[in-house]
């Protein structure tokens, strides 16, 4: 078995990247091009080093990276659930308005959009005790975790939101397949 050597001198931003990932943040190419470039150039060394420390560094070709945890689904925290819910209702609203979901990073999310989303999904959001002020707090947390960036009077979603969109699309596909199977089963009776 061959052991690959890691040259720590080549990992100029090791401490910064480790602290970013260990805090649960995502690195986005569009939000921090310099750190992304460093990570991309030394990807194998960073992945090998972090793996030897017990961390699974994932890099998505759409321009984001994070420490992946296999058991995160069972231990999803309140902030993650709230962000998932907010993103889901934003995606639903935007889809209803004919916007391409895969271009979410171009959307401007401002107070007017949040008001529309809240009005449309008020019952669901109220059930989760999320008022319009809480939606802003969720977006502020999304900025801290590397899912959004705040620009003057609005937010813009970053490429790491693909993790949520991929999950939403998977759930939708599973539901569609289940509906088709139920229809076919009922049709054969």
Protein backbone atom coordinates (compact mmCIF):
# COMPACT_ATOMS: atom_id res chain seq x y z
CA UNK A 1 0.00 0.00 0.00
CA UNK A 2 1.42 3.35 -1.04
CA UNK A 3 1.08 6.28 1.32
CA UNK A 4 0.89 9.68 -0.31
CA UNK A 5 2.77 12.45 1.41
CA UNK A 6 1.17 15.76 2.19
CA UNK A 7 3.32 18.83 1.97
CA UNK A 8 1.81 21.22 4.50
CA UNK A 9 3.89 24.06 3.07
CA UNK A 10 1.82 23.81 -0.13
CA UNK A 11 -1.41 24.25 1.82
CA UNK A 12 -1.19 27.99 2.34
CA UNK A 13 -4.75 28.42 3.64
CA UNK A 14 -5.04 25.21 5.67
CA UNK A 15 -6.01 26.86 8.94
CA UNK A 16 -8.52 29.20 7.29
CA UNK A 17 -10.15 26.40 5.28
CA UNK A 18 -10.25 24.00 8.21
CA UNK A 19 -11.85 26.61 10.49
CA UNK A 20 -14.39 27.48 7.79
CA UNK A 21 -15.42 23.86 7.21
CA UNK A 22 -15.33 22.74 10.86
CA UNK A 23 -17.73 25.57 11.73
CA UNK A 24 -20.27 24.04 9.34
CA UNK A 25 -19.83 26.65 6.65
CA UNK A 26 -19.71 26.10 2.91
CA UNK A 27 -17.08 27.56 0.62
CA UNK A 28 -18.49 28.99 -2.59
CA UNK A 29 -16.43 29.80 -5.66
CA UNK A 30 -18.49 32.92 -6.36
CA UNK A 31 -18.24 34.29 -2.81
CA UNK A 32 -14.55 33.60 -2.13
CA UNK A 33 -12.66 33.06 -5.36
CA UNK A 34 -9.19 33.16 -3.75
CA UNK A 35 -9.92 30.44 -1.18
CA UNK A 36 -11.75 28.40 -3.81
CA UNK A 37 -8.74 28.62 -6.13
CA UNK A 38 -6.44 27.44 -3.33
CA UNK A 39 -8.74 24.53 -2.52
CA UNK A 40 -9.15 23.58 -6.16
CA UNK A 41 -5.41 23.66 -6.84
CA UNK A 42 -4.59 21.42 -3.87
CA UNK A 43 -7.85 19.45 -3.72
CA UNK A 44 -6.29 16.00 -3.39
CA UNK A 45 -3.95 17.07 -0.61
CA UNK A 46 -6.71 18.83 1.33
CA UNK A 47 -9.08 15.88 0.91
CA UNK A 48 -6.40 13.40 1.98
CA UNK A 49 -5.35 15.46 5.00
CA UNK A 50 -8.91 16.09 6.15
CA UNK A 51 -9.80 12.42 5.62
CA UNK A 52 -6.87 11.39 7.82
CA UNK A 53 -8.35 13.69 10.49
CA UNK A 54 -11.75 12.02 10.12
CA UNK A 55 -13.47 14.60 7.89
CA UNK A 56 -15.06 14.05 4.49
CA UNK A 57 -14.36 17.12 2.34
CA UNK A 58 -16.79 17.21 -0.57
CA UNK A 59 -16.35 19.46 -3.58
CA UNK A 60 -19.21 19.92 -5.99
CA UNK A 61 -18.41 20.81 -9.60
CA UNK A 62 -21.03 23.56 -9.43
CA UNK A 63 -18.64 25.55 -7.24
CA UNK A 64 -18.99 24.76 -3.55
CA UNK A 65 -17.35 22.60 -0.89
CA UNK A 66 -18.16 21.43 2.66
CA UNK A 67 -17.45 18.80 5.29
CA UNK A 68 -19.99 16.06 4.72
CA UNK A 69 -21.50 14.14 7.62
CA UNK A 70 -23.35 10.89 6.87
CA UNK A 71 -25.49 11.03 9.99
CA UNK A 72 -26.52 14.67 9.54
CA UNK A 73 -30.05 13.72 8.40
CA UNK A 74 -30.93 12.21 11.76
CA UNK A 75 -29.39 15.08 13.68
CA UNK A 76 -30.61 17.96 11.55
CA UNK A 77 -30.74 21.02 13.75
CA UNK A 78 -33.47 23.62 14.04
CA UNK A 79 -31.59 26.20 11.94
CA UNK A 80 -31.09 23.71 9.10
CA UNK A 81 -34.77 22.73 9.18
CA UNK A 82 -35.82 26.37 9.12
CA UNK A 83 -33.49 27.15 6.23
CA UNK A 84 -34.78 24.12 4.32
CA UNK A 85 -38.37 25.27 4.87
CA UNK A 86 -37.60 28.84 3.81
CA UNK A 87 -35.77 27.68 0.69
CA UNK A 88 -38.60 25.29 -0.14
CA UNK A 89 -41.23 28.03 0.00
CA UNK A 90 -39.00 30.43 -1.96
CA UNK A 91 -38.45 27.76 -4.64
CA UNK A 92 -42.19 27.07 -4.73
CA UNK A 93 -42.98 30.77 -5.10
CA UNK A 94 -40.38 31.28 -7.81
CA UNK A 95 -41.52 28.19 -9.74
CA UNK A 96 -45.10 29.46 -9.63
CA UNK A 97 -43.81 32.71 -11.13
CA UNK A 98 -42.08 30.88 -14.00
CA UNK A 99 -38.52 31.28 -12.76
CA UNK A 100 -36.01 28.53 -13.51
CA UNK A 101 -35.08 26.83 -10.24
CA UNK A 102 -31.58 26.00 -11.46
CA UNK A 103 -30.84 29.71 -11.74
CA UNK A 104 -31.63 30.53 -8.11
CA UNK A 105 -28.24 32.25 -7.74
CA UNK A 106 -29.54 35.03 -10.02
CA UNK A 107 -32.62 35.75 -7.91
CA UNK A 108 -32.80 38.83 -5.76
CA UNK A 109 -34.36 38.00 -2.42
CA UNK A 110 -35.54 41.17 -0.77
CA UNK A 111 -38.19 42.14 1.76
CA UNK A 112 -40.85 42.37 -0.96
CA UNK A 113 -40.19 38.79 -2.06
CA UNK A 114 -40.14 37.60 1.56
CA UNK A 115 -43.51 39.32 2.13
CA UNK A 116 -44.98 37.55 -0.92
CA UNK A 117 -43.60 34.19 0.20
CA UNK A 118 -44.91 34.74 3.73
CA UNK A 119 -48.38 35.67 2.51
CA UNK A 120 -48.53 32.64 0.20
CA UNK A 121 -47.28 30.16 2.82
CA UNK A 122 -48.38 31.91 6.01
CA UNK A 123 -50.19 28.90 7.46
CA UNK A 124 -47.17 26.63 7.02
CA UNK A 125 -44.69 29.25 8.28
CA UNK A 126 -46.89 30.17 11.26
CA UNK A 127 -47.09 26.48 12.19
CA UNK A 128 -43.30 26.54 12.46
CA UNK A 129 -43.49 29.84 14.40
CA UNK A 130 -41.78 31.76 11.60
CA UNK A 131 -42.92 35.31 11.05
CA UNK A 132 -41.47 37.75 8.53
CA UNK A 133 -38.78 38.88 10.96
CA UNK A 134 -37.76 35.25 11.53
CA UNK A 135 -37.32 34.79 7.76
CA UNK A 136 -34.75 37.59 7.77
CA UNK A 137 -32.93 35.95 10.69
CA UNK A 138 -32.87 32.66 8.76
CA UNK A 139 -31.32 34.41 5.76
CA UNK A 140 -28.74 36.07 8.02
CA UNK A 141 -27.83 32.60 9.33
CA UNK A 142 -27.65 31.36 5.72
CA UNK A 143 -25.06 34.09 5.09
CA UNK A 144 -22.99 32.88 8.06
CA UNK A 145 -23.17 29.26 6.84
CA UNK A 146 -22.21 30.06 3.25
CA UNK A 147 -25.60 29.57 1.59
CA UNK A 148 -26.27 33.23 0.80
CA UNK A 149 -24.61 36.59 0.53
CA UNK A 150 -26.11 39.90 1.56
CA UNK A 151 -25.79 42.74 -0.92
CA UNK A 152 -27.01 46.18 0.21
CA UNK A 153 -30.78 45.68 0.64
CA UNK A 154 -31.21 42.09 -0.55
CA UNK A 155 -29.77 38.58 -0.43
CA UNK A 156 -28.51 36.34 -3.18
CA UNK A 157 -28.33 32.56 -2.84
CA UNK A 158 -24.97 30.88 -3.43
CA UNK A 159 -24.21 27.69 -5.33
CA UNK A 160 -24.16 25.63 -2.10
CA UNK A 161 -27.98 25.89 -2.15
CA UNK A 162 -27.82 23.20 -4.84
CA UNK A 163 -27.58 20.77 -1.90
CA UNK A 164 -31.12 21.76 -0.91
CA UNK A 165 -32.41 21.97 -4.49
CA UNK A 166 -31.03 18.49 -5.25
CA UNK A 167 -32.82 17.17 -2.15
CA UNK A 168 -36.10 18.92 -3.06
CA UNK A 169 -35.93 17.50 -6.60
CA UNK A 170 -35.21 14.01 -5.22
CA UNK A 171 -38.24 14.22 -2.91
CA UNK A 172 -40.42 15.47 -5.78
CA UNK A 173 -39.23 12.63 -8.03
CA UNK A 174 -39.86 10.05 -5.30
CA UNK A 175 -43.36 11.45 -4.76
CA UNK A 176 -44.02 11.39 -8.51
CA UNK A 177 -42.86 7.78 -8.78
CA UNK A 178 -45.02 6.86 -5.79
CA UNK A 179 -48.05 8.59 -7.32
CA UNK A 180 -47.53 6.79 -10.66
CA UNK A 181 -47.16 3.43 -8.90
CA UNK A 182 -50.32 4.04 -6.87
CA UNK A 183 -52.22 5.05 -10.01
CA UNK A 184 -51.02 1.99 -11.94
CA UNK A 185 -51.88 -0.28 -9.01
CA UNK A 186 -55.37 1.24 -8.77
CA UNK A 187 -55.81 1.04 -12.54
CA UNK A 188 -55.10 -2.70 -12.59
CA UNK A 189 -57.93 -3.50 -10.17
